[in-house]
């Protein structure tokens, strides 16, 4: 028995096209939506630890948009609160705001937990480099963020 082959895109359940025929077939006109709950675990994320360091990349460079959103959030908080910890300083923002966990370091082990990211080549294919797109352990990736946004748009269109 041959194994199925998959392309390199993330495997997602296909969302149906919301045509009038689809809605009429699945939602009788005498029903009315009162409440919708959507339960999901999470979108595509990076691993929470380096369980098999020989097989997994040293750095997961899939979080450029998420890191930029976090950086913008921290900058906005600094503008509103005037906090020196989040205001622009002489350093470049990516040097003082994008922190990622070092490989195999844990605070309980007495090691340094955070490392500063480099602003060069955000989506470098060289996973030995830490870049501005490097994800932390368990961080939602840009692909995961896009998938959840698409699901939300689909649900808003449906309901």
N, C-alpha and C. Protein backbone atom coordinates (compact mmCIF):
# COMPACT_ATOMS: atom_id res chain seq x y z
N UNK A 1 0.85 -1.18 0.00
CA UNK A 1 0.00 0.00 0.00
C UNK A 1 0.89 1.24 0.00
N UNK A 2 0.68 2.11 -0.95
CA UNK A 2 1.49 3.33 -1.06
C UNK A 2 1.01 4.37 -0.06
N UNK A 3 1.96 5.06 0.52
CA UNK A 3 1.62 6.14 1.45
C UNK A 3 1.18 7.37 0.67
N UNK A 4 0.21 8.13 1.21
CA UNK A 4 -0.20 9.34 0.51
C UNK A 4 0.91 10.38 0.53
N UNK A 5 0.98 11.18 -0.49
CA UNK A 5 1.96 12.26 -0.54
C UNK A 5 1.26 13.58 -0.28
N UNK A 6 1.97 14.48 0.34
CA UNK A 6 1.42 15.78 0.67
C UNK A 6 2.37 16.85 0.16
N UNK A 7 1.80 17.99 -0.23
CA UNK A 7 2.67 19.10 -0.62
C UNK A 7 3.24 19.73 0.63
N UNK A 8 4.09 20.73 0.46
CA UNK A 8 4.78 21.33 1.60
C UNK A 8 3.91 22.31 2.38
N UNK A 9 2.70 22.59 1.90
CA UNK A 9 1.83 23.52 2.63
C UNK A 9 1.26 22.82 3.86
N UNK A 10 0.90 23.61 4.88
CA UNK A 10 0.33 22.99 6.07
C UNK A 10 -0.97 22.26 5.74
N UNK A 11 -1.19 21.15 6.41
CA UNK A 11 -2.41 20.39 6.18
C UNK A 11 -3.53 21.02 7.01
N UNK A 12 -4.56 21.47 6.34
CA UNK A 12 -5.71 22.07 7.01
C UNK A 12 -6.98 21.44 6.48
N UNK A 13 -7.99 21.38 7.32
CA UNK A 13 -9.29 20.94 6.86
C UNK A 13 -9.84 22.00 5.92
N UNK A 14 -10.31 21.62 4.74
CA UNK A 14 -10.82 22.62 3.81
C UNK A 14 -12.12 23.23 4.33
N UNK A 15 -12.25 24.53 4.16
CA UNK A 15 -13.48 25.21 4.54
C UNK A 15 -14.40 25.23 3.32
N UNK A 16 -15.69 24.94 3.50
CA UNK A 16 -16.59 24.94 2.35
C UNK A 16 -16.79 26.35 1.79
N UNK A 17 -17.04 26.42 0.50
CA UNK A 17 -17.34 27.70 -0.13
C UNK A 17 -18.75 28.10 0.26
N UNK A 18 -18.91 29.31 0.74
CA UNK A 18 -20.21 29.75 1.24
C UNK A 18 -21.06 30.31 0.10
N UNK A 19 -21.70 29.41 -0.62
CA UNK A 19 -22.61 29.81 -1.69
C UNK A 19 -24.03 29.80 -1.13
N UNK A 20 -24.96 30.49 -1.78
CA UNK A 20 -26.36 30.43 -1.33
C UNK A 20 -26.89 29.00 -1.31
N UNK A 21 -26.45 28.17 -2.26
CA UNK A 21 -26.90 26.78 -2.29
C UNK A 21 -26.38 26.00 -1.07
N UNK A 22 -25.12 26.23 -0.70
CA UNK A 22 -24.56 25.55 0.46
C UNK A 22 -25.33 25.93 1.72
N UNK A 23 -25.57 27.22 1.90
CA UNK A 23 -26.28 27.69 3.09
C UNK A 23 -27.70 27.14 3.12
N UNK A 24 -28.40 27.16 1.98
CA UNK A 24 -29.78 26.65 1.92
C UNK A 24 -29.83 25.15 2.21
N UNK A 25 -28.82 24.41 1.76
CA UNK A 25 -28.79 22.96 1.96
C UNK A 25 -28.52 22.60 3.42
N UNK A 26 -27.65 23.35 4.10
CA UNK A 26 -27.23 22.99 5.44
C UNK A 26 -27.94 23.75 6.55
N UNK A 27 -28.60 24.83 6.23
CA UNK A 27 -29.25 25.66 7.25
C UNK A 27 -30.67 25.98 6.82
N UNK A 28 -31.65 25.24 7.33
CA UNK A 28 -33.04 25.48 6.94
C UNK A 28 -33.49 26.91 7.29
N UNK A 29 -34.35 27.50 6.48
CA UNK A 29 -34.74 28.90 6.68
C UNK A 29 -35.53 29.14 7.97
N UNK A 30 -36.14 28.10 8.54
CA UNK A 30 -36.94 28.30 9.76
C UNK A 30 -36.07 28.34 11.02
N UNK A 31 -34.77 28.08 10.89
CA UNK A 31 -33.87 28.15 12.04
C UNK A 31 -33.25 29.54 12.14
N UNK A 32 -32.89 29.92 13.37
CA UNK A 32 -32.27 31.22 13.61
C UNK A 32 -31.05 30.99 14.50
N UNK A 33 -29.92 31.59 14.16
CA UNK A 33 -28.71 31.46 14.96
C UNK A 33 -28.89 32.28 16.23
N UNK A 34 -28.72 31.62 17.37
CA UNK A 34 -28.83 32.29 18.65
C UNK A 34 -27.45 32.53 19.24
N UNK A 35 -26.58 31.53 19.10
CA UNK A 35 -25.25 31.62 19.70
C UNK A 35 -24.32 30.66 18.96
N UNK A 36 -23.09 31.07 18.78
CA UNK A 36 -22.09 30.21 18.14
C UNK A 36 -20.87 30.15 19.05
N UNK A 37 -20.44 28.96 19.37
CA UNK A 37 -19.18 28.75 20.08
C UNK A 37 -18.23 28.05 19.12
N UNK A 38 -17.02 28.53 19.08
CA UNK A 38 -16.00 27.90 18.26
C UNK A 38 -14.87 27.49 19.19
N UNK A 39 -14.58 26.22 19.23
CA UNK A 39 -13.54 25.70 20.10
C UNK A 39 -12.41 25.16 19.24
N UNK A 40 -11.22 25.64 19.49
CA UNK A 40 -10.05 25.12 18.78
C UNK A 40 -8.90 25.11 19.77
N UNK A 41 -7.95 24.24 19.52
CA UNK A 41 -6.81 24.13 20.43
C UNK A 41 -5.86 25.28 20.21
N UNK A 42 -5.33 25.41 19.03
CA UNK A 42 -4.46 26.52 18.66
C UNK A 42 -4.07 26.35 17.21
N UNK A 43 -3.47 27.39 16.64
CA UNK A 43 -2.97 27.30 15.28
C UNK A 43 -1.60 26.65 15.26
N UNK A 44 -0.97 26.65 14.09
CA UNK A 44 0.36 26.05 13.97
C UNK A 44 1.35 26.81 14.84
N UNK A 45 2.02 26.08 15.69
CA UNK A 45 2.99 26.67 16.61
C UNK A 45 4.32 25.94 16.49
N UNK A 46 5.33 26.55 17.08
CA UNK A 46 6.63 25.90 17.14
C UNK A 46 6.61 24.91 18.30
N UNK A 47 7.53 23.97 18.32
CA UNK A 47 7.59 23.03 19.45
C UNK A 47 7.84 23.76 20.77
N UNK A 48 7.42 23.16 21.86
CA UNK A 48 7.60 23.78 23.17
C UNK A 48 8.98 23.49 23.76
N UNK A 49 9.74 22.61 23.12
CA UNK A 49 11.10 22.29 23.59
C UNK A 49 11.86 21.61 22.46
N UNK A 50 13.17 21.54 22.60
CA UNK A 50 14.00 20.79 21.65
C UNK A 50 14.07 19.35 22.15
N UNK A 51 13.08 18.56 21.80
CA UNK A 51 13.03 17.19 22.28
C UNK A 51 14.02 16.28 21.54
N UNK A 52 14.19 16.51 20.25
CA UNK A 52 15.14 15.73 19.46
C UNK A 52 16.01 16.72 18.70
N UNK A 53 17.02 17.31 19.36
CA UNK A 53 17.82 18.35 18.73
C UNK A 53 18.54 17.92 17.46
N UNK A 54 18.79 16.63 17.29
CA UNK A 54 19.48 16.16 16.09
C UNK A 54 18.58 16.27 14.85
N UNK A 55 17.26 16.27 15.05
CA UNK A 55 16.33 16.29 13.93
C UNK A 55 15.65 17.63 13.72
N UNK A 56 15.51 18.40 14.77
CA UNK A 56 14.78 19.66 14.63
C UNK A 56 15.74 20.82 14.42
N UNK A 57 15.28 21.88 13.75
CA UNK A 57 16.15 23.04 13.54
C UNK A 57 16.54 23.69 14.86
N UNK A 58 17.68 24.33 14.86
CA UNK A 58 18.11 25.04 16.06
C UNK A 58 17.20 26.23 16.33
N UNK A 59 16.79 26.92 15.27
CA UNK A 59 15.89 28.07 15.39
C UNK A 59 14.76 27.92 14.38
N UNK A 60 13.55 28.27 14.80
CA UNK A 60 12.38 28.23 13.92
C UNK A 60 12.13 29.66 13.46
N UNK A 61 12.45 29.97 12.21
CA UNK A 61 12.33 31.34 11.69
C UNK A 61 11.02 31.53 10.94
N UNK A 62 9.90 31.42 11.66
CA UNK A 62 8.57 31.51 11.06
C UNK A 62 7.68 32.54 11.74
N UNK A 63 8.23 33.50 12.46
CA UNK A 63 7.41 34.40 13.27
C UNK A 63 7.68 35.88 13.03
N UNK A 64 8.03 36.26 11.80
CA UNK A 64 8.36 37.66 11.52
C UNK A 64 7.19 38.59 11.81
N UNK A 65 6.00 38.24 11.33
CA UNK A 65 4.84 39.11 11.54
C UNK A 65 4.46 39.18 13.01
N UNK A 66 4.44 38.04 13.67
CA UNK A 66 4.10 38.02 15.10
C UNK A 66 5.08 38.83 15.92
N UNK A 67 6.37 38.72 15.62
CA UNK A 67 7.37 39.49 16.35
C UNK A 67 7.22 40.99 16.07
N UNK A 68 6.88 41.34 14.82
CA UNK A 68 6.67 42.76 14.49
C UNK A 68 5.45 43.31 15.22
N UNK A 69 4.37 42.52 15.29
CA UNK A 69 3.18 42.95 16.03
C UNK A 69 3.50 43.15 17.51
N UNK A 70 4.28 42.25 18.07
CA UNK A 70 4.67 42.37 19.48
C UNK A 70 5.53 43.62 19.69
N UNK A 71 6.45 43.86 18.77
CA UNK A 71 7.30 45.04 18.85
C UNK A 71 6.45 46.31 18.78
N UNK A 72 5.49 46.35 17.85
CA UNK A 72 4.61 47.53 17.73
C UNK A 72 3.78 47.72 18.99
N UNK A 73 3.30 46.62 19.56
CA UNK A 73 2.53 46.70 20.80
C UNK A 73 3.37 47.30 21.92
N UNK A 74 4.59 46.80 22.08
CA UNK A 74 5.46 47.32 23.14
C UNK A 74 5.78 48.80 22.91
N UNK A 75 5.99 49.18 21.67
CA UNK A 75 6.27 50.59 21.36
C UNK A 75 5.05 51.45 21.72
N UNK A 76 3.84 50.98 21.40
CA UNK A 76 2.62 51.73 21.72
C UNK A 76 2.44 51.84 23.22
N UNK A 77 2.69 50.77 23.95
CA UNK A 77 2.60 50.82 25.41
C UNK A 77 3.57 51.86 25.95
N UNK A 78 4.76 51.92 25.39
CA UNK A 78 5.75 52.90 25.83
C UNK A 78 5.30 54.32 25.55
N UNK A 79 4.65 54.55 24.41
CA UNK A 79 4.17 55.89 24.08
C UNK A 79 3.05 56.31 25.02
N UNK A 80 2.18 55.37 25.38
CA UNK A 80 1.04 55.69 26.24
C UNK A 80 1.47 55.85 27.69
N UNK A 81 2.30 54.95 28.18
CA UNK A 81 2.68 54.96 29.60
C UNK A 81 3.92 55.78 29.88
N UNK A 82 4.72 56.04 28.85
CA UNK A 82 5.98 56.75 29.06
C UNK A 82 7.01 55.90 29.75
N UNK A 83 6.79 54.59 29.76
CA UNK A 83 7.71 53.68 30.43
C UNK A 83 9.05 53.65 29.72
N UNK A 84 10.15 53.88 30.44
CA UNK A 84 11.47 53.82 29.79
C UNK A 84 11.81 52.43 29.29
N UNK A 85 11.17 51.42 29.84
CA UNK A 85 11.48 50.05 29.41
C UNK A 85 10.95 49.77 28.01
N UNK A 86 9.97 50.54 27.55
CA UNK A 86 9.39 50.26 26.24
C UNK A 86 9.53 51.42 25.27
N UNK A 87 10.07 52.55 25.71
CA UNK A 87 10.28 53.68 24.79
C UNK A 87 11.44 53.38 23.86
N UNK A 88 11.44 54.04 22.71
CA UNK A 88 12.58 53.90 21.80
C UNK A 88 13.84 54.40 22.50
N UNK A 89 14.91 53.68 22.33
CA UNK A 89 16.19 54.06 22.91
C UNK A 89 17.21 54.17 21.79
N UNK A 90 18.47 54.28 22.15
CA UNK A 90 19.52 54.34 21.14
C UNK A 90 19.65 53.02 20.39
N UNK A 91 19.17 51.95 21.00
CA UNK A 91 19.29 50.65 20.36
C UNK A 91 18.18 50.47 19.33
N UNK A 92 18.44 49.63 18.35
CA UNK A 92 17.41 49.30 17.37
C UNK A 92 16.34 48.46 18.06
N UNK A 93 15.06 48.64 17.71
CA UNK A 93 13.98 47.90 18.38
C UNK A 93 14.18 46.39 18.40
N UNK A 94 14.64 45.81 17.29
CA UNK A 94 14.78 44.36 17.26
C UNK A 94 15.88 43.88 18.20
N UNK A 95 16.77 44.78 18.61
CA UNK A 95 17.83 44.37 19.52
C UNK A 95 17.37 44.40 20.97
N UNK A 96 16.29 45.09 21.25
CA UNK A 96 15.87 45.16 22.65
C UNK A 96 14.48 44.63 22.90
N UNK A 97 13.76 44.21 21.86
CA UNK A 97 12.40 43.73 22.09
C UNK A 97 12.16 42.29 21.69
N UNK A 98 12.84 41.78 20.70
CA UNK A 98 12.58 40.42 20.26
C UNK A 98 13.48 39.45 21.01
N UNK A 99 12.94 38.86 22.02
CA UNK A 99 13.69 37.89 22.80
C UNK A 99 13.17 36.50 22.50
N UNK A 100 14.06 35.54 22.42
CA UNK A 100 13.68 34.17 22.18
C UNK A 100 14.41 33.28 23.18
N UNK A 101 13.82 32.14 23.46
CA UNK A 101 14.47 31.21 24.36
C UNK A 101 15.68 30.59 23.68
N UNK A 102 16.76 30.48 24.41
CA UNK A 102 17.93 29.78 23.89
C UNK A 102 17.65 28.28 23.89
N UNK A 103 18.30 27.59 23.00
CA UNK A 103 18.14 26.15 22.92
C UNK A 103 18.58 25.50 24.23
N UNK A 104 17.71 24.67 24.76
CA UNK A 104 17.99 23.86 25.94
C UNK A 104 18.27 24.66 27.21
N UNK A 105 17.94 25.94 27.25
CA UNK A 105 18.16 26.69 28.49
C UNK A 105 16.85 26.78 29.26
N UNK A 106 16.93 26.64 30.52
CA UNK A 106 15.76 26.71 31.40
C UNK A 106 16.14 27.58 32.59
N UNK A 107 15.21 28.38 33.04
CA UNK A 107 15.52 29.25 34.18
C UNK A 107 15.82 28.44 35.43
N UNK A 108 15.17 27.28 35.56
CA UNK A 108 15.41 26.46 36.75
C UNK A 108 16.81 25.85 36.75
N UNK A 109 17.45 25.81 35.56
CA UNK A 109 18.80 25.25 35.48
C UNK A 109 19.86 26.29 35.81
N UNK A 110 19.41 27.52 36.10
CA UNK A 110 20.35 28.57 36.46
C UNK A 110 20.99 29.25 35.27
N UNK A 111 20.56 28.89 34.06
CA UNK A 111 21.15 29.50 32.87
C UNK A 111 20.41 30.75 32.45
N UNK A 112 20.96 31.43 31.47
CA UNK A 112 20.30 32.60 30.90
C UNK A 112 19.14 32.13 30.04
N UNK A 113 17.96 32.68 30.25
CA UNK A 113 16.78 32.21 29.53
C UNK A 113 16.59 32.96 28.22
N UNK A 114 16.92 34.24 28.16
CA UNK A 114 16.64 35.03 26.98
C UNK A 114 17.90 35.36 26.20
N UNK A 115 17.73 35.57 24.91
CA UNK A 115 18.83 35.99 24.04
C UNK A 115 18.30 37.05 23.09
N UNK A 116 19.16 37.96 22.68
CA UNK A 116 18.75 39.04 21.79
C UNK A 116 18.81 38.57 20.34
N UNK A 117 17.79 38.93 19.56
CA UNK A 117 17.72 38.50 18.16
C UNK A 117 18.46 39.47 17.26
N UNK A 118 18.98 38.95 16.18
CA UNK A 118 19.63 39.77 15.16
C UNK A 118 18.57 40.32 14.21
N UNK A 119 18.75 41.54 13.73
CA UNK A 119 17.79 42.15 12.81
C UNK A 119 18.04 41.75 11.37
N UNK A 120 19.07 41.00 11.10
CA UNK A 120 19.44 40.66 9.72
C UNK A 120 18.67 39.45 9.21
N UNK A 121 18.31 39.47 7.95
CA UNK A 121 17.72 38.34 7.23
C UNK A 121 16.62 37.64 8.03
N UNK A 122 15.43 38.25 8.14
CA UNK A 122 14.39 37.69 8.99
C UNK A 122 14.01 36.24 8.68
N UNK A 123 13.85 35.89 7.41
CA UNK A 123 13.42 34.53 7.08
C UNK A 123 14.58 33.73 6.50
N UNK A 124 15.70 33.74 7.17
CA UNK A 124 16.87 33.02 6.71
C UNK A 124 16.59 31.53 6.67
N UNK A 125 17.02 30.86 5.61
CA UNK A 125 16.86 29.42 5.53
C UNK A 125 17.91 28.71 6.38
N UNK A 126 18.91 29.44 6.83
CA UNK A 126 19.93 28.88 7.71
C UNK A 126 19.38 28.89 9.13
N UNK A 127 18.90 27.74 9.59
CA UNK A 127 18.25 27.69 10.90
C UNK A 127 19.25 27.74 12.05
N UNK A 128 20.54 27.83 11.74
CA UNK A 128 21.51 28.00 12.82
C UNK A 128 21.58 29.46 13.25
N UNK A 129 20.97 30.37 12.45
CA UNK A 129 20.99 31.79 12.77
C UNK A 129 19.71 32.22 13.48
N UNK A 130 19.86 33.02 14.51
CA UNK A 130 18.71 33.63 15.18
C UNK A 130 18.42 34.94 14.46
N UNK A 131 17.20 35.14 13.97
CA UNK A 131 16.85 36.34 13.22
C UNK A 131 15.65 37.03 13.85
N UNK A 132 15.20 38.12 13.24
CA UNK A 132 14.02 38.82 13.74
C UNK A 132 12.75 38.00 13.55
N UNK A 133 12.81 36.92 12.78
CA UNK A 133 11.66 36.05 12.58
C UNK A 133 11.72 34.80 13.46
N UNK A 134 12.74 34.68 14.30
CA UNK A 134 12.89 33.49 15.13
C UNK A 134 11.79 33.42 16.17
N UNK A 135 11.18 32.26 16.27
CA UNK A 135 10.08 32.03 17.21
C UNK A 135 10.62 31.55 18.55
N UNK A 136 9.88 31.83 19.59
CA UNK A 136 10.15 31.24 20.89
C UNK A 136 9.49 29.88 20.97
N UNK A 137 9.75 29.14 22.01
CA UNK A 137 9.12 27.84 22.19
C UNK A 137 7.60 28.02 22.30
N UNK A 138 6.86 27.24 21.51
CA UNK A 138 5.41 27.25 21.57
C UNK A 138 4.76 28.50 21.00
N UNK A 139 5.50 29.31 20.26
CA UNK A 139 4.94 30.55 19.72
C UNK A 139 4.10 30.28 18.48
N UNK A 140 2.99 30.99 18.36
CA UNK A 140 2.15 30.91 17.18
C UNK A 140 2.94 31.43 15.98
N UNK A 141 3.02 30.62 14.92
CA UNK A 141 3.79 31.04 13.74
C UNK A 141 2.94 31.94 12.86
N UNK A 142 3.58 32.57 11.88
CA UNK A 142 2.84 33.42 10.94
C UNK A 142 1.80 32.60 10.18
N UNK A 143 2.13 31.36 9.83
CA UNK A 143 1.18 30.48 9.16
C UNK A 143 -0.01 30.18 10.06
N UNK A 144 0.25 29.93 11.34
CA UNK A 144 -0.83 29.69 12.29
C UNK A 144 -1.73 30.90 12.46
N UNK A 145 -1.13 32.07 12.51
CA UNK A 145 -1.90 33.32 12.61
C UNK A 145 -2.79 33.50 11.38
N UNK A 146 -2.24 33.23 10.18
CA UNK A 146 -3.02 33.36 8.95
C UNK A 146 -4.17 32.36 8.91
N UNK A 147 -3.91 31.14 9.36
CA UNK A 147 -4.96 30.12 9.37
C UNK A 147 -6.10 30.48 10.30
N UNK A 148 -5.78 30.98 11.49
CA UNK A 148 -6.82 31.38 12.43
C UNK A 148 -7.58 32.60 11.93
N UNK A 149 -6.89 33.53 11.28
CA UNK A 149 -7.57 34.70 10.71
C UNK A 149 -8.52 34.28 9.60
N UNK A 150 -8.10 33.32 8.77
CA UNK A 150 -8.97 32.81 7.70
C UNK A 150 -10.19 32.11 8.28
N UNK A 151 -9.98 31.33 9.34
CA UNK A 151 -11.11 30.65 9.99
C UNK A 151 -12.08 31.67 10.57
N UNK A 152 -11.56 32.72 11.21
CA UNK A 152 -12.42 33.76 11.77
C UNK A 152 -13.21 34.48 10.69
N UNK A 153 -12.57 34.79 9.56
CA UNK A 153 -13.26 35.44 8.45
C UNK A 153 -14.36 34.54 7.90
N UNK A 154 -14.06 33.24 7.81
CA UNK A 154 -15.05 32.28 7.32
C UNK A 154 -16.25 32.22 8.27
N UNK A 155 -15.99 32.16 9.55
CA UNK A 155 -17.10 32.09 10.53
C UNK A 155 -17.93 33.38 10.52
N UNK A 156 -17.27 34.53 10.39
CA UNK A 156 -18.02 35.80 10.33
C UNK A 156 -18.90 35.84 9.08
N UNK A 157 -18.39 35.33 7.97
CA UNK A 157 -19.19 35.32 6.73
C UNK A 157 -20.36 34.36 6.85
N UNK A 158 -20.15 33.24 7.53
CA UNK A 158 -21.21 32.24 7.67
C UNK A 158 -22.29 32.69 8.63
N UNK A 159 -21.89 33.29 9.74
CA UNK A 159 -22.86 33.67 10.78
C UNK A 159 -23.04 35.16 10.87
